[in-house]
Amino acid sequence: MHRNVGETDQVVRLMAGTLLLTLAATDQVGTWGWVAGLLTLLSGTVGICAAYSLLGLNTCPNEGKDGSISKP
């Protein structure tokens, strides 16, 4: 799979995943918080979102054909 999550999107996912896991750990939200938090944190960490792949979305603007990221 090619990377399809841009840098800003990654930061937002990491923060949201951390928040959801914190809320789940303190019993503010139910079991769905653990699942959603882990999935969000994982997609932010690896830079790949399965839902984006299914929908044909890509927030990673500088992706090369081989999946590498070119830096200016």
N, C-alpha and C. Protein backbone atom coordinates (compact mmCIF):
# COMPACT_ATOMS: atom_id res chain seq x y z
N MET A 1 0.84 -1.18 0.00
CA MET A 1 0.00 0.00 0.00
C MET A 1 0.88 1.24 0.00
N HIS A 2 0.40 2.26 -0.70
CA HIS A 2 1.11 3.52 -0.74
C HIS A 2 0.60 4.44 0.35
N ARG A 3 1.49 5.27 0.80
CA ARG A 3 1.15 6.24 1.83
C ARG A 3 0.10 7.22 1.28
N ASN A 4 -0.95 7.47 2.05
CA ASN A 4 -2.00 8.37 1.59
C ASN A 4 -2.45 9.37 2.67
N VAL A 5 -1.67 9.51 3.72
CA VAL A 5 -1.99 10.44 4.80
C VAL A 5 -0.88 11.48 4.87
N GLY A 6 -1.24 12.74 4.65
CA GLY A 6 -0.27 13.84 4.68
C GLY A 6 0.16 14.19 6.09
N GLU A 7 1.14 15.08 6.19
CA GLU A 7 1.72 15.43 7.49
C GLU A 7 0.71 16.06 8.45
N THR A 8 -0.08 17.01 7.96
CA THR A 8 -1.07 17.65 8.83
C THR A 8 -2.11 16.64 9.29
N ASP A 9 -2.55 15.81 8.36
CA ASP A 9 -3.52 14.76 8.66
C ASP A 9 -2.95 13.79 9.69
N GLN A 10 -1.66 13.47 9.57
CA GLN A 10 -1.01 12.57 10.52
C GLN A 10 -1.00 13.15 11.92
N VAL A 11 -0.65 14.43 12.03
CA VAL A 11 -0.60 15.08 13.35
C VAL A 11 -1.99 15.07 13.99
N VAL A 12 -3.01 15.40 13.21
CA VAL A 12 -4.38 15.41 13.73
C VAL A 12 -4.78 14.01 14.18
N ARG A 13 -4.44 12.98 13.40
CA ARG A 13 -4.77 11.61 13.77
C ARG A 13 -4.06 11.17 15.04
N LEU A 14 -2.79 11.55 15.18
CA LEU A 14 -2.05 11.18 16.39
C LEU A 14 -2.65 11.84 17.63
N MET A 15 -3.01 13.11 17.50
CA MET A 15 -3.62 13.81 18.63
C MET A 15 -5.00 13.24 18.95
N ALA A 16 -5.81 12.97 17.93
CA ALA A 16 -7.15 12.44 18.16
C ALA A 16 -7.08 11.02 18.75
N GLY A 17 -6.16 10.20 18.24
CA GLY A 17 -6.00 8.86 18.78
C GLY A 17 -5.58 8.86 20.23
N THR A 18 -4.65 9.75 20.56
CA THR A 18 -4.20 9.87 21.95
C THR A 18 -5.34 10.33 22.84
N LEU A 19 -6.11 11.29 22.37
CA LEU A 19 -7.25 11.79 23.14
C LEU A 19 -8.28 10.68 23.37
N LEU A 20 -8.62 9.94 22.33
CA LEU A 20 -9.60 8.86 22.47
C LEU A 20 -9.11 7.78 23.44
N LEU A 21 -7.84 7.42 23.35
CA LEU A 21 -7.30 6.40 24.27
C LEU A 21 -7.29 6.91 25.71
N THR A 22 -6.99 8.19 25.89
CA THR A 22 -7.01 8.77 27.23
C THR A 22 -8.43 8.77 27.79
N LEU A 23 -9.40 9.16 26.96
CA LEU A 23 -10.79 9.15 27.41
C LEU A 23 -11.27 7.73 27.72
N ALA A 24 -10.84 6.77 26.91
CA ALA A 24 -11.23 5.37 27.16
C ALA A 24 -10.59 4.85 28.44
N ALA A 25 -9.34 5.22 28.69
CA ALA A 25 -8.63 4.76 29.88
C ALA A 25 -9.24 5.33 31.16
N THR A 26 -9.83 6.51 31.06
CA THR A 26 -10.44 7.14 32.24
C THR A 26 -11.95 6.92 32.30
N ASP A 27 -12.45 5.99 31.52
CA ASP A 27 -13.87 5.62 31.48
C ASP A 27 -14.80 6.78 31.11
N GLN A 28 -14.31 7.71 30.32
CA GLN A 28 -15.14 8.80 29.83
C GLN A 28 -15.98 8.34 28.63
N VAL A 29 -15.43 7.39 27.86
CA VAL A 29 -16.13 6.82 26.71
C VAL A 29 -16.09 5.30 26.84
N GLY A 30 -16.87 4.63 26.06
CA GLY A 30 -16.96 3.17 26.14
C GLY A 30 -15.85 2.46 25.38
N THR A 31 -16.10 1.20 25.11
CA THR A 31 -15.13 0.33 24.43
C THR A 31 -14.79 0.86 23.04
N TRP A 32 -15.74 1.53 22.39
CA TRP A 32 -15.49 2.06 21.06
C TRP A 32 -14.31 3.04 21.08
N GLY A 33 -14.06 3.69 22.21
CA GLY A 33 -12.94 4.62 22.32
C GLY A 33 -11.60 3.93 22.18
N TRP A 34 -11.49 2.72 22.73
CA TRP A 34 -10.25 1.95 22.58
C TRP A 34 -10.03 1.58 21.12
N VAL A 35 -11.08 1.08 20.48
CA VAL A 35 -10.97 0.63 19.08
C VAL A 35 -10.66 1.81 18.17
N ALA A 36 -11.47 2.86 18.27
CA ALA A 36 -11.28 4.04 17.41
C ALA A 36 -9.93 4.71 17.69
N GLY A 37 -9.55 4.78 18.95
CA GLY A 37 -8.28 5.39 19.31
C GLY A 37 -7.09 4.63 18.76
N LEU A 38 -7.12 3.31 18.87
CA LEU A 38 -6.02 2.50 18.36
C LEU A 38 -5.93 2.57 16.84
N LEU A 39 -7.08 2.50 16.15
CA LEU A 39 -7.07 2.58 14.69
C LEU A 39 -6.59 3.95 14.21
N THR A 40 -7.04 4.99 14.87
CA THR A 40 -6.63 6.35 14.50
C THR A 40 -5.15 6.56 14.76
N LEU A 41 -4.67 6.09 15.89
CA LEU A 41 -3.26 6.21 16.23
C LEU A 41 -2.40 5.40 15.27
N LEU A 42 -2.85 4.22 14.91
CA LEU A 42 -2.11 3.37 13.98
C LEU A 42 -2.02 4.01 12.60
N SER A 43 -3.13 4.52 12.09
CA SER A 43 -3.10 5.14 10.76
C SER A 43 -2.25 6.41 10.76
N GLY A 44 -2.23 7.12 11.86
CA GLY A 44 -1.38 8.30 11.97
C GLY A 44 0.09 7.95 12.05
N THR A 45 0.39 6.82 12.67
CA THR A 45 1.78 6.39 12.82
C THR A 45 2.36 5.89 11.50
N VAL A 46 1.63 5.05 10.79
CA VAL A 46 2.16 4.45 9.56
C VAL A 46 1.89 5.29 8.32
N GLY A 47 0.96 6.24 8.39
CA GLY A 47 0.69 7.11 7.26
C GLY A 47 -0.20 6.50 6.19
N ILE A 48 -0.90 5.44 6.55
CA ILE A 48 -1.79 4.77 5.60
C ILE A 48 -3.17 4.65 6.22
N CYS A 49 -4.19 5.06 5.46
CA CYS A 49 -5.57 4.95 5.92
C CYS A 49 -6.34 4.05 4.95
N ALA A 50 -6.86 2.95 5.45
CA ALA A 50 -7.59 2.00 4.60
C ALA A 50 -8.85 2.63 4.02
N ALA A 51 -9.53 3.46 4.80
CA ALA A 51 -10.75 4.11 4.31
C ALA A 51 -10.41 5.06 3.15
N TYR A 52 -9.29 5.78 3.25
CA TYR A 52 -8.87 6.66 2.17
C TYR A 52 -8.61 5.85 0.91
N SER A 53 -7.99 4.68 1.06
CA SER A 53 -7.71 3.82 -0.09
C SER A 53 -8.99 3.38 -0.77
N LEU A 54 -9.98 2.99 0.01
CA LEU A 54 -11.26 2.56 -0.56
C LEU A 54 -12.00 3.69 -1.26
N LEU A 55 -11.87 4.91 -0.72
CA LEU A 55 -12.57 6.06 -1.28
C LEU A 55 -11.75 6.81 -2.33
N GLY A 56 -10.50 6.41 -2.52
CA GLY A 56 -9.65 7.07 -3.50
C GLY A 56 -9.13 8.42 -3.05
N LEU A 57 -9.06 8.65 -1.75
CA LEU A 57 -8.58 9.93 -1.22
C LEU A 57 -7.09 9.86 -0.93
N ASN A 58 -6.45 11.03 -0.94
CA ASN A 58 -5.02 11.10 -0.65
C ASN A 58 -4.71 12.51 -0.15
N THR A 59 -4.23 12.64 1.08
CA THR A 59 -3.85 13.95 1.61
C THR A 59 -2.35 14.12 1.65
N CYS A 60 -1.63 13.23 1.00
CA CYS A 60 -0.18 13.27 0.93
C CYS A 60 0.21 13.82 -0.44
N PRO A 61 0.45 15.14 -0.54
CA PRO A 61 0.61 15.77 -1.85
C PRO A 61 1.90 15.45 -2.59
N ASN A 62 2.96 15.07 -1.92
CA ASN A 62 4.26 14.87 -2.57
C ASN A 62 4.65 13.41 -2.71
N GLU A 63 3.67 12.54 -2.86
CA GLU A 63 3.98 11.11 -2.95
C GLU A 63 4.47 10.76 -4.34
N GLY A 64 5.57 10.02 -4.40
CA GLY A 64 6.09 9.53 -5.66
C GLY A 64 5.39 8.24 -6.05
N LYS A 65 5.66 7.74 -7.25
CA LYS A 65 5.02 6.52 -7.73
C LYS A 65 5.41 5.29 -6.92
N ASP A 66 6.60 5.35 -6.30
CA ASP A 66 7.06 4.21 -5.51
C ASP A 66 6.66 4.31 -4.04
N GLY A 67 5.86 5.33 -3.69
CA GLY A 67 5.41 5.50 -2.32
C GLY A 67 6.33 6.35 -1.48
N SER A 68 7.48 6.79 -2.07
CA SER A 68 8.39 7.63 -1.32
C SER A 68 7.90 9.06 -1.30
N ILE A 69 8.33 9.79 -0.31
CA ILE A 69 7.92 11.18 -0.14
C ILE A 69 9.09 12.06 -0.53
N SER A 70 8.85 12.97 -1.46
CA SER A 70 9.93 13.89 -1.86
C SER A 70 9.81 15.17 -1.03
N LYS A 71 10.93 15.57 -0.49
CA LYS A 71 11.00 16.79 0.31
C LYS A 71 11.59 17.89 -0.55
N PRO A 72 11.03 19.11 -0.48
CA PRO A 72 11.56 20.21 -1.29
C PRO A 72 12.91 20.66 -0.81
